[in-house]
Amino acid sequence: MAEKLSHEEFVKKAIVSLRKEGYKGIHTVYSGFNTAFKKYFDGEDPIKVTNQLASEGKIVIRPVKGGVMLYLPEDAPAMKDAGEDALKKMGL
């Protein structure tokens, strides 16, 4: 059997392979990513691993309804700073 992919390789391959046309990221639940990850890595926690990869800057996580979206760093949408926007609206 071929050697298993590392967590990073698996996640990056999943983002590229599972994203729908016109989208740059994948929803961890609706794409089947979480289930596939647990199956491939014998029950390991995909949340812990993806959070670690995000903290290392290897992927980007954005919260969305029903879970999170995973992106490659170069494809991630810019994160709006809601606090900055609120201060601007308040004239501060």
PDB file of N, CA and C in Angstrom:
ATOM      1  N   MET A   1       0.840  -1.194   0.000  1.00  0.00           N
ATOM      2  CA  MET A   1       0.000   0.000   0.000  1.00  0.00           C
ATOM      3  C   MET A   1       0.880   1.250   0.000  1.00  0.00           C
ATOM      4  N   ALA A   2       0.426   2.279  -0.679  1.00  0.00           N
ATOM      5  CA  ALA A   2       1.179   3.534  -0.738  1.00  0.00           C
ATOM      6  C   ALA A   2       1.233   4.168   0.653  1.00  0.00           C
ATOM      7  N   GLU A   3       2.283   4.944   0.864  1.00  0.00           N
ATOM      8  CA  GLU A   3       2.447   5.611   2.150  1.00  0.00           C
ATOM      9  C   GLU A   3       1.320   6.620   2.354  1.00  0.00           C
ATOM     10  N   LYS A   4       0.842   6.722   3.592  1.00  0.00           N
ATOM     11  CA  LYS A   4      -0.231   7.661   3.912  1.00  0.00           C
ATOM     12  C   LYS A   4       0.232   9.097   3.765  1.00  0.00           C
ATOM     13  N   LEU A   5      -0.700   9.951   3.393  1.00  0.00           N
ATOM     14  CA  LEU A   5      -0.430  11.379   3.325  1.00  0.00           C
ATOM     15  C   LEU A   5      -0.287  11.933   4.741  1.00  0.00           C
ATOM     16  N   SER A   6       0.467  13.025   4.877  1.00  0.00           N
ATOM     17  CA  SER A   6       0.534  13.719   6.164  1.00  0.00           C
ATOM     18  C   SER A   6      -0.781  14.470   6.341  1.00  0.00           C
ATOM     19  N   HIS A   7      -1.025  14.959   7.556  1.00  0.00           N
ATOM     20  CA  HIS A   7      -2.236  15.745   7.788  1.00  0.00           C
ATOM     21  C   HIS A   7      -2.292  16.926   6.825  1.00  0.00           C
ATOM     22  N   GLU A   8      -1.173  17.639   6.706  1.00  0.00           N
ATOM     23  CA  GLU A   8      -1.131  18.818   5.837  1.00  0.00           C
ATOM     24  C   GLU A   8      -1.427  18.446   4.388  1.00  0.00           C
ATOM     25  N   GLU A   9      -0.803  17.398   3.890  1.00  0.00           N
ATOM     26  CA  GLU A   9      -1.023  16.962   2.503  1.00  0.00           C
ATOM     27  C   GLU A   9      -2.479  16.572   2.280  1.00  0.00           C
ATOM     28  N   PHE A  10      -3.057  15.848   3.247  1.00  0.00           N
ATOM     29  CA  PHE A  10      -4.441  15.407   3.139  1.00  0.00           C
ATOM     30  C   PHE A  10      -5.385  16.610   3.078  1.00  0.00           C
ATOM     31  N   VAL A  11      -5.195  17.564   3.990  1.00  0.00           N
ATOM     32  CA  VAL A  11      -6.086  18.720   4.056  1.00  0.00           C
ATOM     33  C   VAL A  11      -5.983  19.560   2.783  1.00  0.00           C
ATOM     34  N   LYS A  12      -4.767  19.808   2.314  1.00  0.00           N
ATOM     35  CA  LYS A  12      -4.592  20.607   1.099  1.00  0.00           C
ATOM     36  C   LYS A  12      -5.181  19.900  -0.118  1.00  0.00           C
ATOM     37  N   LYS A  13      -4.982  18.588  -0.199  1.00  0.00           N
ATOM     38  CA  LYS A  13      -5.550  17.814  -1.310  1.00  0.00           C
ATOM     39  C   LYS A  13      -7.078  17.853  -1.252  1.00  0.00           C
ATOM     40  N   ALA A  14      -7.631  17.773  -0.048  1.00  0.00           N
ATOM     41  CA  ALA A  14      -9.085  17.820   0.118  1.00  0.00           C
ATOM     42  C   ALA A  14      -9.638  19.169  -0.328  1.00  0.00           C
ATOM     43  N   ILE A  15      -8.964  20.257   0.052  1.00  0.00           N
ATOM     44  CA  ILE A  15      -9.443  21.591  -0.325  1.00  0.00           C
ATOM     45  C   ILE A  15      -9.506  21.713  -1.845  1.00  0.00           C
ATOM     46  N   VAL A  16      -8.464  21.273  -2.518  1.00  0.00           N
ATOM     47  CA  VAL A  16      -8.416  21.381  -3.979  1.00  0.00           C
ATOM     48  C   VAL A  16      -9.407  20.421  -4.643  1.00  0.00           C
ATOM     49  N   SER A  17      -9.514  19.218  -4.130  1.00  0.00           N
ATOM     50  CA  SER A  17     -10.344  18.184  -4.758  1.00  0.00           C
ATOM     51  C   SER A  17     -11.832  18.313  -4.474  1.00  0.00           C
ATOM     52  N   LEU A  18     -12.196  18.772  -3.273  1.00  0.00           N
ATOM     53  CA  LEU A  18     -13.600  18.772  -2.870  1.00  0.00           C
ATOM     54  C   LEU A  18     -14.330  20.086  -3.113  1.00  0.00           C
ATOM     55  N   ARG A  19     -13.610  21.136  -3.440  1.00  0.00           N
ATOM     56  CA  ARG A  19     -14.306  22.410  -3.619  1.00  0.00           C
ATOM     57  C   ARG A  19     -15.149  22.376  -4.887  1.00  0.00           C
ATOM     58  N   LYS A  20     -16.292  23.025  -4.791  1.00  0.00           N
ATOM     59  CA  LYS A  20     -17.214  23.073  -5.919  1.00  0.00           C
ATOM     60  C   LYS A  20     -16.783  24.159  -6.877  1.00  0.00           C
ATOM     61  N   GLU A  21     -17.181  24.006  -8.110  1.00  0.00           N
ATOM     62  CA  GLU A  21     -16.813  24.980  -9.141  1.00  0.00           C
ATOM     63  C   GLU A  21     -17.274  26.373  -8.734  1.00  0.00           C
ATOM     64  N   GLY A  22     -16.370  27.323  -8.851  1.00  0.00           N
ATOM     65  CA  GLY A  22     -16.683  28.692  -8.482  1.00  0.00           C
ATOM     66  C   GLY A  22     -16.346  29.040  -7.043  1.00  0.00           C
ATOM     67  N   TYR A  23     -15.978  28.037  -6.253  1.00  0.00           N
ATOM     68  CA  TYR A  23     -15.633  28.263  -4.848  1.00  0.00           C
ATOM     69  C   TYR A  23     -14.162  27.994  -4.626  1.00  0.00           C
ATOM     70  N   LYS A  24     -13.580  28.702  -3.664  1.00  0.00           N
ATOM     71  CA  LYS A  24     -12.154  28.544  -3.381  1.00  0.00           C
ATOM     72  C   LYS A  24     -11.893  27.744  -2.128  1.00  0.00           C
ATOM     73  N   GLY A  25     -12.944  27.414  -1.378  1.00  0.00           N
ATOM     74  CA  GLY A  25     -12.773  26.658  -0.146  1.00  0.00           C
ATOM     75  C   GLY A  25     -13.783  25.532  -0.060  1.00  0.00           C
ATOM     76  N   ILE A  26     -13.688  24.777   1.038  1.00  0.00           N
ATOM     77  CA  ILE A  26     -14.640  23.685   1.261  1.00  0.00           C
ATOM     78  C   ILE A  26     -15.263  23.821   2.647  1.00  0.00           C
ATOM     79  N   HIS A  27     -16.526  23.450   2.748  1.00  0.00           N
ATOM     80  CA  HIS A  27     -17.217  23.401   4.029  1.00  0.00           C
ATOM     81  C   HIS A  27     -16.877  22.048   4.638  1.00  0.00           C
ATOM     82  N   THR A  28     -16.377  22.064   5.858  1.00  0.00           N
ATOM     83  CA  THR A  28     -15.876  20.818   6.460  1.00  0.00           C
ATOM     84  C   THR A  28     -16.961  19.757   6.636  1.00  0.00           C
ATOM     85  N   VAL A  29     -18.193  20.183   6.850  1.00  0.00           N
ATOM     86  CA  VAL A  29     -19.273  19.214   7.064  1.00  0.00           C
ATOM     87  C   VAL A  29     -19.910  18.803   5.745  1.00  0.00           C
ATOM     88  N   TYR A  30     -20.378  19.792   4.976  1.00  0.00           N
ATOM     89  CA  TYR A  30     -21.147  19.496   3.763  1.00  0.00           C
ATOM     90  C   TYR A  30     -20.312  18.846   2.659  1.00  0.00           C
ATOM     91  N   SER A  31     -19.000  19.072   2.654  1.00  0.00           N
ATOM     92  CA  SER A  31     -18.151  18.468   1.625  1.00  0.00           C
ATOM     93  C   SER A  31     -17.816  17.006   1.931  1.00  0.00           C
ATOM     94  N   GLY A  32     -18.064  16.601   3.177  1.00  0.00           N
ATOM     95  CA  GLY A  32     -17.691  15.247   3.591  1.00  0.00           C
ATOM     96  C   GLY A  32     -16.276  15.177   4.139  1.00  0.00           C
ATOM     97  N   PHE A  33     -15.619  16.330   4.257  1.00  0.00           N
ATOM     98  CA  PHE A  33     -14.228  16.366   4.712  1.00  0.00           C
ATOM     99  C   PHE A  33     -14.046  15.730   6.092  1.00  0.00           C
ATOM    100  N   ASN A  34     -14.873  16.133   7.064  1.00  0.00           N
ATOM    101  CA  ASN A  34     -14.699  15.615   8.427  1.00  0.00           C
ATOM    102  C   ASN A  34     -14.782  14.094   8.472  1.00  0.00           C
ATOM    103  N   THR A  35     -15.764  13.553   7.796  1.00  0.00           N
ATOM    104  CA  THR A  35     -15.948  12.096   7.773  1.00  0.00           C
ATOM    105  C   THR A  35     -14.777  11.406   7.084  1.00  0.00           C
ATOM    106  N   ALA A  36     -14.354  11.955   5.951  1.00  0.00           N
ATOM    107  CA  ALA A  36     -13.230  11.371   5.210  1.00  0.00           C
ATOM    108  C   ALA A  36     -11.949  11.422   6.046  1.00  0.00           C
ATOM    109  N   PHE A  37     -11.729  12.531   6.747  1.00  0.00           N
ATOM    110  CA  PHE A  37     -10.535  12.687   7.578  1.00  0.00           C
ATOM    111  C   PHE A  37     -10.508  11.618   8.673  1.00  0.00           C
ATOM    112  N   LYS A  38     -11.641  11.456   9.358  1.00  0.00           N
ATOM    113  CA  LYS A  38     -11.721  10.463  10.445  1.00  0.00           C
ATOM    114  C   LYS A  38     -11.499   9.050   9.915  1.00  0.00           C
ATOM    115  N   LYS A  39     -12.021   8.769   8.737  1.00  0.00           N
ATOM    116  CA  LYS A  39     -11.865   7.444   8.140  1.00  0.00           C
ATOM    117  C   LYS A  39     -10.406   7.197   7.749  1.00  0.00           C
ATOM    118  N   TYR A  40      -9.775   8.181   7.122  1.00  0.00           N
ATOM    119  CA  TYR A  40      -8.393   8.043   6.645  1.00  0.00           C
ATOM    120  C   TYR A  40      -7.398   7.966   7.795  1.00  0.00           C
ATOM    121  N   PHE A  41      -7.635   8.751   8.839  1.00  0.00           N
ATOM    122  CA  PHE A  41      -6.707   8.810   9.967  1.00  0.00           C
ATOM    123  C   PHE A  41      -7.226   8.074  11.202  1.00  0.00           C
ATOM    124  N   ASP A  42      -8.001   7.030  11.002  1.00  0.00           N
ATOM    125  CA  ASP A  42      -8.461   6.146  12.084  1.00  0.00           C
ATOM    126  C   ASP A  42      -9.066   6.893  13.272  1.00  0.00           C
ATOM    127  N   GLY A  43     -10.023   7.759  12.998  1.00  0.00           N
ATOM    128  CA  GLY A  43     -10.766   8.411  14.066  1.00  0.00           C
ATOM    129  C   GLY A  43     -10.138   9.663  14.655  1.00  0.00           C
ATOM    130  N   GLU A  44      -9.025  10.140  14.110  1.00  0.00           N
ATOM    131  CA  GLU A  44      -8.407  11.371  14.632  1.00  0.00           C
ATOM    132  C   GLU A  44      -9.361  12.550  14.473  1.00  0.00           C
ATOM    133  N   ASP A  45      -9.179  13.559  15.302  1.00  0.00           N
ATOM    134  CA  ASP A  45     -10.054  14.728  15.320  1.00  0.00           C
ATOM    135  C   ASP A  45      -9.633  15.748  14.254  1.00  0.00           C
ATOM    136  N   PRO A  46     -10.469  15.953  13.225  1.00  0.00           N
ATOM    137  CA  PRO A  46     -10.109  16.911  12.167  1.00  0.00           C
ATOM    138  C   PRO A  46     -10.071  18.356  12.668  1.00  0.00           C
ATOM    139  N   ILE A  47     -10.858  18.672  13.684  1.00  0.00           N
ATOM    140  CA  ILE A  47     -10.889  20.047  14.199  1.00  0.00           C
ATOM    141  C   ILE A  47      -9.545  20.411  14.820  1.00  0.00           C
ATOM    142  N   LYS A  48      -9.021  19.522  15.623  1.00  0.00           N
ATOM    143  CA  LYS A  48      -7.722  19.762  16.270  1.00  0.00           C
ATOM    144  C   LYS A  48      -6.621  19.947  15.224  1.00  0.00           C
ATOM    145  N   VAL A  49      -6.618  19.086  14.224  1.00  0.00           N
ATOM    146  CA  VAL A  49      -5.578  19.122  13.189  1.00  0.00           C
ATOM    147  C   VAL A  49      -5.701  20.376  12.323  1.00  0.00           C
ATOM    148  N   THR A  50      -6.916  20.712  11.895  1.00  0.00           N
ATOM    149  CA  THR A  50      -7.076  21.887  11.039  1.00  0.00           C
ATOM    150  C   THR A  50      -6.771  23.169  11.812  1.00  0.00           C
ATOM    151  N   ASN A  51      -7.128  23.218  13.091  1.00  0.00           N
ATOM    152  CA  ASN A  51      -6.777  24.394  13.910  1.00  0.00           C
ATOM    153  C   ASN A  51      -5.263  24.543  14.022  1.00  0.00           C
ATOM    154  N   GLN A  52      -4.566  23.421  14.174  1.00  0.00           N
ATOM    155  CA  GLN A  52      -3.104  23.454  14.260  1.00  0.00           C
ATOM    156  C   GLN A  52      -2.501  23.950  12.943  1.00  0.00           C
ATOM    157  N   LEU A  53      -2.991  23.425  11.819  1.00  0.00           N
ATOM    158  CA  LEU A  53      -2.496  23.862  10.506  1.00  0.00           C
ATOM    159  C   LEU A  53      -2.784  25.346  10.280  1.00  0.00           C
ATOM    160  N   ALA A  54      -3.941  25.809  10.741  1.00  0.00           N
ATOM    161  CA  ALA A  54      -4.278  27.225  10.594  1.00  0.00           C
ATOM    162  C   ALA A  54      -3.348  28.089  11.446  1.00  0.00           C
ATOM    163  N   SER A  55      -3.028  27.631  12.659  1.00  0.00           N
ATOM    164  CA  SER A  55      -2.138  28.410  13.524  1.00  0.00           C
ATOM    165  C   SER A  55      -0.724  28.484  12.940  1.00  0.00           C
ATOM    166  N   GLU A  56      -0.369  27.498  12.124  1.00  0.00           N
ATOM    167  CA  GLU A  56       0.943  27.490  11.458  1.00  0.00           C
ATOM    168  C   GLU A  56       0.913  28.255  10.131  1.00  0.00           C
ATOM    169  N   GLY A  57      -0.269  28.748   9.731  1.00  0.00           N
ATOM    170  CA  GLY A  57      -0.402  29.506   8.492  1.00  0.00           C
ATOM    171  C   GLY A  57      -0.446  28.650   7.240  1.00  0.00           C
ATOM    172  N   LYS A  58      -0.684  27.356   7.382  1.00  0.00           N
ATOM    173  CA  LYS A  58      -0.692  26.453   6.227  1.00  0.00           C
ATOM    174  C   LYS A  58      -2.051  26.424   5.538  1.00  0.00           C
ATOM    175  N   ILE A  59      -3.112  26.701   6.302  1.00  0.00           N
ATOM    176  CA  ILE A  59      -4.465  26.827   5.755  1.00  0.00           C
ATOM    177  C   ILE A  59      -5.140  27.998   6.464  1.00  0.00           C
ATOM    178  N   VAL A  60      -6.306  28.389   5.959  1.00  0.00           N
ATOM    179  CA  VAL A  60      -7.082  29.458   6.587  1.00  0.00           C
ATOM    180  C   VAL A  60      -8.469  28.907   6.893  1.00  0.00           C
ATOM    181  N   ILE A  61      -8.958  29.201   8.089  1.00  0.00           N
ATOM    182  CA  ILE A  61     -10.284  28.752   8.521  1.00  0.00           C
ATOM    183  C   ILE A  61     -11.179  29.972   8.685  1.00  0.00           C
ATOM    184  N   ARG A  62     -12.397  29.885   8.130  1.00  0.00           N
ATOM    185  CA  ARG A  62     -13.385  30.945   8.299  1.00  0.00           C
ATOM    186  C   ARG A  62     -14.672  30.309   8.827  1.00  0.00           C
ATOM    187  N   PRO A  63     -15.225  30.848   9.927  1.00  0.00           N
ATOM    188  CA  PRO A  63     -16.484  30.294  10.452  1.00  0.00           C
ATOM    189  C   PRO A  63     -17.645  30.605   9.516  1.00  0.00           C
ATOM    190  N   VAL A  64     -18.510  29.638   9.329  1.00  0.00           N
ATOM    191  CA  VAL A  64     -19.724  29.793   8.524  1.00  0.00           C
ATOM    192  C   VAL A  64     -20.843  29.007   9.185  1.00  0.00           C
ATOM    193  N   LYS A  65     -22.052  29.184   8.693  1.00  0.00           N
ATOM    194  CA  LYS A  65     -23.193  28.464   9.246  1.00  0.00           C
ATOM    195  C   LYS A  65     -22.982  26.954   9.120  1.00  0.00           C
ATOM    196  N   GLY A  66     -23.129  26.256  10.218  1.00  0.00           N
ATOM    197  CA  GLY A  66     -23.031  24.806  10.209  1.00  0.00           C
ATOM    198  C   GLY A  66     -21.616  24.259  10.291  1.00  0.00           C
ATOM    199  N   GLY A  67     -20.615  25.110  10.474  1.00  0.00           N
ATOM    200  CA  GLY A  67     -19.238  24.617  10.569  1.00  0.00           C
ATOM    201  C   GLY A  67     -18.225  25.678  10.200  1.00  0.00           C
ATOM    202  N   VAL A  68     -17.216  25.261   9.454  1.00  0.00           N
ATOM    203  CA  VAL A  68     -16.191  26.201   8.996  1.00  0.00           C
ATOM    204  C   VAL A  68     -15.837  25.900   7.548  1.00  0.00           C
ATOM    205  N   MET A  69     -15.258  26.896   6.901  1.00  0.00           N
ATOM    206  CA  MET A  69     -14.715  26.731   5.555  1.00  0.00           C
ATOM    207  C   MET A  69     -13.206  26.654   5.677  1.00  0.00           C
ATOM    208  N   LEU A  70     -12.605  25.794   4.878  1.00  0.00           N
ATOM    209  CA  LEU A  70     -11.151  25.678   4.818  1.00  0.00           C
ATOM    210  C   LEU A  70     -10.677  26.219   3.472  1.00  0.00           C
ATOM    211  N   TYR A  71      -9.609  27.004   3.515  1.00  0.00           N
ATOM    212  CA  TYR A  71      -9.036  27.591   2.306  1.00  0.00           C
ATOM    213  C   TYR A  71      -7.523  27.410   2.312  1.00  0.00           C
ATOM    214  N   LEU A  72      -6.942  27.375   1.116  1.00  0.00           N
ATOM    215  CA  LEU A  72      -5.502  27.524   0.993  1.00  0.00           C
ATOM    216  C   LEU A  72      -5.228  28.998   1.274  1.00  0.00           C
ATOM    217  N   PRO A  73      -4.086  29.327   1.885  1.00  0.00           N
ATOM    218  CA  PRO A  73      -3.835  30.738   2.240  1.00  0.00           C
ATOM    219  C   PRO A  73      -3.977  31.708   1.075  1.00  0.00           C
ATOM    220  N   GLU A  74      -3.546  31.309  -0.107  1.00  0.00           N
ATOM    221  CA  GLU A  74      -3.603  32.219  -1.252  1.00  0.00           C
ATOM    222  C   GLU A  74      -5.022  32.420  -1.791  1.00  0.00           C
ATOM    223  N   ASP A  75      -5.965  31.547  -1.391  1.00  0.00           N
ATOM    224  CA  ASP A  75      -7.342  31.634  -1.884  1.00  0.00           C
ATOM    225  C   ASP A  75      -8.327  32.196  -0.865  1.00  0.00           C
ATOM    226  N   ALA A  76      -7.884  32.424   0.358  1.00  0.00           N
ATOM    227  CA  ALA A  76      -8.797  32.834   1.429  1.00  0.00           C
ATOM    228  C   ALA A  76      -9.328  34.247   1.209  1.00  0.00           C
ATOM    229  N   PRO A  77     -10.630  34.437   1.459  1.00  0.00           N
ATOM    230  CA  PRO A  77     -11.176  35.784   1.358  1.00  0.00           C
ATOM    231  C   PRO A  77     -10.651  36.647   2.505  1.00  0.00           C
ATOM    232  N   ALA A  78     -10.560  37.931   2.272  1.00  0.00           N
ATOM    233  CA  ALA A  78     -10.086  38.838   3.320  1.00  0.00           C
ATOM    234  C   ALA A  78     -11.094  38.834   4.468  1.00  0.00           C
ATOM    235  N   MET A  79     -10.562  38.894   5.669  1.00  0.00           N
ATOM    236  CA  MET A  79     -11.422  38.898   6.860  1.00  0.00           C
ATOM    237  C   MET A  79     -11.741  40.343   7.214  1.00  0.00           C
ATOM    238  N   LYS A  80     -13.012  40.641   7.282  1.00  0.00           N
ATOM    239  CA  LYS A  80     -13.433  41.985   7.666  1.00  0.00           C
ATOM    240  C   LYS A  80     -13.218  42.151   9.161  1.00  0.00           C
ATOM    241  N   ASP A  81     -12.780  43.312   9.535  1.00  0.00           N
ATOM    242  CA  ASP A  81     -12.616  43.617  10.948  1.00  0.00           C
ATOM    243  C   ASP A  81     -13.883  44.322  11.412  1.00  0.00           C
ATOM    244  N   ALA A  82     -14.789  43.575  12.010  1.00  0.00           N
ATOM    245  CA  ALA A  82     -16.081  44.120  12.422  1.00  0.00           C
ATOM    246  C   ALA A  82     -15.903  45.241  13.437  1.00  0.00           C
ATOM    247  N   GLY A  83     -14.903  45.132  14.291  1.00  0.00           N
ATOM    248  CA  GLY A  83     -14.655  46.168  15.294  1.00  0.00           C
ATOM    249  C   GLY A  83     -14.257  47.478  14.640  1.00  0.00           C
ATOM    250  N   GLU A  84     -13.390  47.403  13.636  1.00  0.00           N
ATOM    251  CA  GLU A  84     -12.965  48.608  12.897  1.00  0.00           C
ATOM    252  C   GLU A  84     -14.167  49.259  12.227  1.00  0.00           C
ATOM    253  N   ASP A  85     -14.994  48.425  11.576  1.00  0.00           N
ATOM    254  CA  ASP A  85     -16.184  48.948  10.898  1.00  0.00           C
ATOM    255  C   ASP A  85     -17.112  49.650  11.879  1.00  0.00           C
ATOM    256  N   ALA A  86     -17.303  49.056  13.054  1.00  0.00           N
ATOM    257  CA  ALA A  86     -18.177  49.648  14.063  1.00  0.00           C
ATOM    258  C   ALA A  86     -17.640  50.999  14.526  1.00  0.00           C
ATOM    259  N   LEU A  87     -16.331  51.073  14.758  1.00  0.00           N
ATOM    260  CA  LEU A  87     -15.730  52.332  15.188  1.00  0.00           C
ATOM    261  C   LEU A  87     -15.873  53.414  14.116  1.00  0.00           C
ATOM    262  N   LYS A  88     -15.714  53.040  12.848  1.00  0.00           N
ATOM    263  CA  LYS A  88     -15.866  54.010  11.763  1.00  0.00           C
ATOM    264  C   LYS A  88     -17.295  54.552  11.730  1.00  0.00           C
ATOM    265  N   LYS A  89     -18.260  53.646  11.841  1.00  0.00           N
ATOM    266  CA  LYS A  89     -19.675  54.056  11.827  1.00  0.00           C
ATOM    267  C   LYS A  89     -20.000  54.978  12.989  1.00  0.00           C
ATOM    268  N   MET A  90     -19.290  54.769  14.112  1.00  0.00           N
ATOM    269  CA  MET A  90     -19.511  55.597  15.298  1.00  0.00           C
ATOM    270  C   MET A  90     -18.734  56.909  15.208  1.00  0.00           C
ATOM    271  N   GLY A  91     -17.896  57.038  14.179  1.00  0.00           N
ATOM    272  CA  GLY A  91     -17.125  58.249  14.028  1.00  0.00           C
ATOM    273  C   GLY A  91     -15.932  58.321  14.972  1.00  0.00           C
ATOM    274  N   LEU A  92     -15.461  57.182  15.424  1.00  0.00           N
ATOM    275  CA  LEU A  92     -14.337  57.130  16.373  1.00  0.00           C
ATOM    276  C   LEU A  92     -13.082  56.597  15.726  1.00  0.00           C
TER     277      LEU A  92
END
